[in-house]
Amino acid sequence: MTVLEIGRLLRSNTTGCVVGCRVTDLDVPVFGGMVRIPLQGDQQIYGLIHDIRIDDDGLVRQLVTAAEITDEVILDNRLNRNVPAEVGVLFIGYEHGGVISHLVPPRPPLTLDRIYSCTPEESCRFTSAGRFGYFRHILRAADLPVPELLAAHLQQAGADQNHCGDPGWLSAATRELIILLRDDYPVLMAVLGSISDMQISA
């Protein structure tokens, strides 16, 4: 089982965190991807990537106004400089003593804690626990692109569940979202519209 480290924690609160990673490592974190943050003892926090931000700085501002930028300068800027990409993570649950909970973690992780991308097996284990209770953390995040985040998560988690032998998971997840959003028609239509654009690989 390959363990993919994304980066280290920059800042956090009770509902989410921001992770710093090298720009050259951006093939690992993807929008809607599941991550885990091991804590001391036998605890770890699970989350969803909802934002990937690459900020500028003084040198980049100068370079973009240049008439020509050589490939060597671009590679040097991306590979040798220490400007990190920032990855926003929404917490969706935690694990303690081998038991998964879809509640907010008891405490946030600490600065410089390592963050890892979940393997298909880890994703399946978390998303199969309980009755999709972690959906409420996504649905109440009013400042996030909820329909697109849900669709991206379901696409990846559905592919993981197919890999783990549960092709019916995606249909059950979609039915649960319809129940949760039955009194919010505009959001329901936006979510179903995003889900209809998904492509699930077998």
Protein backbone atom coordinates (compact mmCIF):
# COMPACT_ATOMS: atom_id res chain seq x y z
CA MET A 1 0.00 0.00 0.00
CA THR A 2 1.60 3.29 -1.12
CA VAL A 3 1.39 6.15 1.39
CA LEU A 4 1.42 9.56 -0.28
CA GLU A 5 2.42 12.50 1.89
CA ILE A 6 0.89 15.77 0.71
CA GLY A 7 2.64 18.21 3.01
CA ARG A 8 2.59 19.68 6.50
CA LEU A 9 -0.03 21.66 8.36
CA LEU A 10 0.22 25.46 8.34
CA ARG A 11 -2.82 26.38 10.45
CA SER A 12 -6.01 24.75 11.70
CA ASN A 13 -9.22 25.14 13.67
CA THR A 14 -11.99 22.80 14.80
CA THR A 15 -13.53 22.44 11.31
CA GLY A 16 -10.58 22.47 8.94
CA CYS A 17 -6.98 23.28 8.20
CA VAL A 18 -4.58 24.64 5.59
CA VAL A 19 -1.69 22.50 4.40
CA GLY A 20 1.51 23.66 2.77
CA CYS A 21 3.08 21.61 0.00
CA ARG A 22 5.65 22.08 -2.75
CA VAL A 23 4.29 23.24 -6.10
CA THR A 24 6.07 20.29 -7.73
CA ASP A 25 3.96 17.90 -5.59
CA LEU A 26 0.58 19.15 -6.85
CA ASP A 27 -0.12 15.93 -8.73
CA VAL A 28 -0.98 14.34 -5.37
CA PRO A 29 -3.65 16.61 -3.79
CA VAL A 30 -6.78 16.98 -5.94
CA PHE A 31 -10.02 18.86 -5.36
CA GLY A 32 -12.45 16.61 -3.46
CA GLY A 33 -9.73 14.14 -2.50
CA MET A 34 -9.76 12.51 0.94
CA VAL A 35 -6.84 13.02 3.29
CA ARG A 36 -5.90 11.88 6.77
CA ILE A 37 -3.84 13.50 9.52
CA PRO A 38 -2.36 11.09 12.10
CA LEU A 39 -2.35 12.41 15.67
CA GLN A 40 -0.56 11.17 18.75
CA GLY A 41 -1.61 7.75 19.93
CA ASP A 42 -4.16 5.87 17.83
CA GLN A 43 -6.10 8.86 16.50
CA GLN A 44 -6.33 10.45 13.08
CA ILE A 45 -8.48 13.09 11.42
CA TYR A 46 -10.11 12.70 8.00
CA GLY A 47 -10.82 15.57 5.64
CA LEU A 48 -11.72 16.65 2.10
CA ILE A 49 -9.61 18.97 -0.03
CA HIS A 50 -11.80 21.94 -0.96
CA ASP A 51 -9.24 24.47 -2.18
CA ILE A 52 -5.77 24.53 -3.76
CA ARG A 53 -4.18 27.97 -3.80
CA ILE A 54 -0.90 29.11 -5.36
CA ASP A 55 -0.11 32.65 -4.28
CA ASP A 56 2.16 35.05 -6.11
CA ASP A 57 5.13 36.97 -4.76
CA GLY A 58 7.39 39.82 -5.85
CA LEU A 59 9.48 37.79 -8.27
CA VAL A 60 6.47 36.23 -9.99
CA ARG A 61 4.91 39.68 -10.41
CA GLN A 62 8.08 40.82 -12.15
CA LEU A 63 8.31 37.72 -14.34
CA VAL A 64 4.75 37.89 -15.67
CA THR A 65 5.41 41.37 -17.06
CA ALA A 66 8.57 40.29 -18.90
CA ALA A 67 8.44 40.14 -22.68
CA GLU A 68 9.87 36.60 -22.77
CA ILE A 69 10.29 33.98 -20.05
CA THR A 70 12.57 31.06 -20.82
CA ASP A 71 11.66 27.51 -19.85
CA GLU A 72 14.74 27.46 -17.60
CA VAL A 73 13.47 30.44 -15.58
CA ILE A 74 10.01 28.87 -15.21
CA LEU A 75 11.49 25.55 -14.05
CA ASP A 76 13.82 27.33 -11.63
CA ASN A 77 10.89 29.28 -10.18
CA ARG A 78 8.83 26.11 -9.71
CA LEU A 79 11.53 23.72 -8.52
CA ASN A 80 14.05 25.74 -6.55
CA ARG A 81 12.01 28.38 -4.74
CA ASN A 82 10.25 27.81 -1.44
CA VAL A 83 6.86 29.40 -2.11
CA PRO A 84 4.37 26.67 -1.02
CA ALA A 85 1.02 25.85 -2.49
CA GLU A 86 -1.73 26.04 0.13
CA VAL A 87 -4.30 23.24 0.29
CA GLY A 88 -7.56 23.86 2.18
CA VAL A 89 -9.04 20.85 4.01
CA LEU A 90 -12.53 20.47 5.49
CA PHE A 91 -12.65 18.02 8.41
CA ILE A 92 -15.31 15.31 7.98
CA GLY A 93 -14.56 12.96 10.88
CA TYR A 94 -11.93 11.18 12.89
CA GLU A 95 -10.78 7.80 14.12
CA HIS A 96 -9.94 6.81 17.69
CA GLY A 97 -8.98 3.34 18.84
CA GLY A 98 -9.92 1.89 15.46
CA VAL A 99 -13.46 3.33 15.63
CA ILE A 100 -14.49 5.86 12.95
CA SER A 101 -16.75 8.79 13.87
CA HIS A 102 -18.34 11.29 11.50
CA LEU A 103 -18.30 14.00 14.18
CA VAL A 104 -15.97 17.01 14.31
CA PRO A 105 -12.59 15.92 15.75
CA PRO A 106 -12.09 16.57 19.51
CA ARG A 107 -9.14 18.88 18.80
CA PRO A 108 -7.46 20.28 15.70
CA PRO A 109 -4.09 18.96 14.53
CA LEU A 110 -0.93 20.90 15.31
CA THR A 111 1.37 22.99 13.13
CA LEU A 112 3.73 20.92 10.97
CA ASP A 113 1.74 17.70 11.42
CA ARG A 114 2.04 15.51 8.31
CA ILE A 115 -0.95 15.10 5.97
CA TYR A 116 -1.42 12.04 3.76
CA SER A 117 -3.65 11.24 0.81
CA CYS A 118 -6.06 8.40 1.64
CA THR A 119 -5.60 5.11 -0.17
CA PRO A 120 -8.69 3.54 -1.80
CA GLU A 121 -8.92 1.14 1.16
CA GLU A 122 -8.81 3.98 3.70
CA SER A 123 -11.40 5.94 1.72
CA CYS A 124 -13.72 2.93 1.58
CA ARG A 125 -13.34 2.25 5.29
CA PHE A 126 -14.30 5.81 6.22
CA THR A 127 -17.11 6.34 3.70
CA SER A 128 -18.68 2.94 4.52
CA ALA A 129 -18.85 3.66 8.25
CA GLY A 130 -22.25 4.77 9.54
CA ARG A 131 -24.98 6.35 7.41
CA PHE A 132 -23.17 9.12 5.48
CA GLY A 133 -23.12 11.32 8.58
CA TYR A 134 -20.13 13.23 7.29
CA PHE A 135 -22.26 14.73 4.49
CA ARG A 136 -23.58 17.32 6.94
CA HIS A 137 -20.11 18.86 7.32
CA ILE A 138 -20.01 19.46 3.56
CA LEU A 139 -23.61 20.68 3.23
CA ARG A 140 -23.28 23.30 5.97
CA ALA A 141 -20.06 24.79 4.52
CA ALA A 142 -21.78 27.80 2.97
CA ASP A 143 -18.52 29.44 1.85
CA LEU A 144 -17.44 26.41 -0.23
CA PRO A 145 -18.55 25.28 -3.73
CA VAL A 146 -20.68 22.53 -2.19
CA PRO A 147 -22.19 20.99 -5.39
CA GLU A 148 -18.80 20.67 -7.10
CA LEU A 149 -17.12 19.46 -3.90
CA LEU A 150 -19.74 16.76 -3.40
CA ALA A 151 -19.53 15.67 -7.04
CA ALA A 152 -15.72 15.50 -6.94
CA HIS A 153 -15.82 13.52 -3.68
CA LEU A 154 -18.50 11.12 -4.91
CA GLN A 155 -16.60 10.54 -8.15
CA GLN A 156 -13.43 9.60 -6.32
CA ALA A 157 -15.10 7.73 -3.45
CA GLY A 158 -17.35 5.87 -5.93
CA ALA A 159 -14.29 4.72 -7.88
CA ASP A 160 -12.65 3.63 -4.61
CA GLN A 161 -15.78 1.71 -3.59
CA ASN A 162 -15.85 -0.02 -6.99
CA HIS A 163 -12.22 -0.97 -6.39
CA CYS A 164 -13.16 -2.33 -2.97
CA GLY A 165 -16.12 -4.33 -4.32
CA ASP A 166 -19.14 -2.15 -3.45
CA PRO A 167 -20.53 -0.71 -6.72
CA GLY A 168 -23.83 0.17 -5.01
CA TRP A 169 -22.24 2.74 -2.71
CA LEU A 170 -22.65 5.65 -5.13
CA SER A 171 -26.38 5.05 -5.62
CA ALA A 172 -26.89 4.85 -1.85
CA ALA A 173 -24.90 8.07 -1.34
CA THR A 174 -26.95 9.89 -3.98
CA ARG A 175 -30.23 8.74 -2.40
CA GLU A 176 -29.03 10.00 1.00
CA LEU A 177 -28.21 13.42 -0.47
CA ILE A 178 -31.68 13.63 -2.02
CA ILE A 179 -33.21 12.94 1.41
CA LEU A 180 -30.97 15.49 3.16
CA LEU A 181 -31.72 18.21 0.59
CA ARG A 182 -35.42 17.52 0.00
CA ASP A 183 -36.34 20.84 1.63
CA ASP A 184 -33.71 22.87 -0.26
CA TYR A 185 -34.66 22.49 -3.91
CA PRO A 186 -32.12 24.95 -5.44
CA VAL A 187 -29.17 23.27 -3.71
CA LEU A 188 -30.54 19.81 -4.51
CA MET A 189 -30.77 20.66 -8.22
CA ALA A 190 -27.25 22.11 -8.18
CA VAL A 191 -25.88 18.99 -6.47
CA LEU A 192 -27.70 16.60 -8.83
CA GLY A 193 -26.54 18.66 -11.80
CA SER A 194 -22.93 18.35 -10.68
CA ILE A 195 -23.32 14.63 -9.99
CA SER A 196 -24.78 14.09 -13.47
CA ASP A 197 -21.54 15.42 -14.95
CA MET A 198 -19.41 12.84 -13.13
CA GLN A 199 -17.55 10.03 -14.78
CA ILE A 200 -17.00 6.99 -12.57
CA SER A 201 -14.22 4.64 -13.56
CA ALA A 202 -14.62 0.96 -12.88
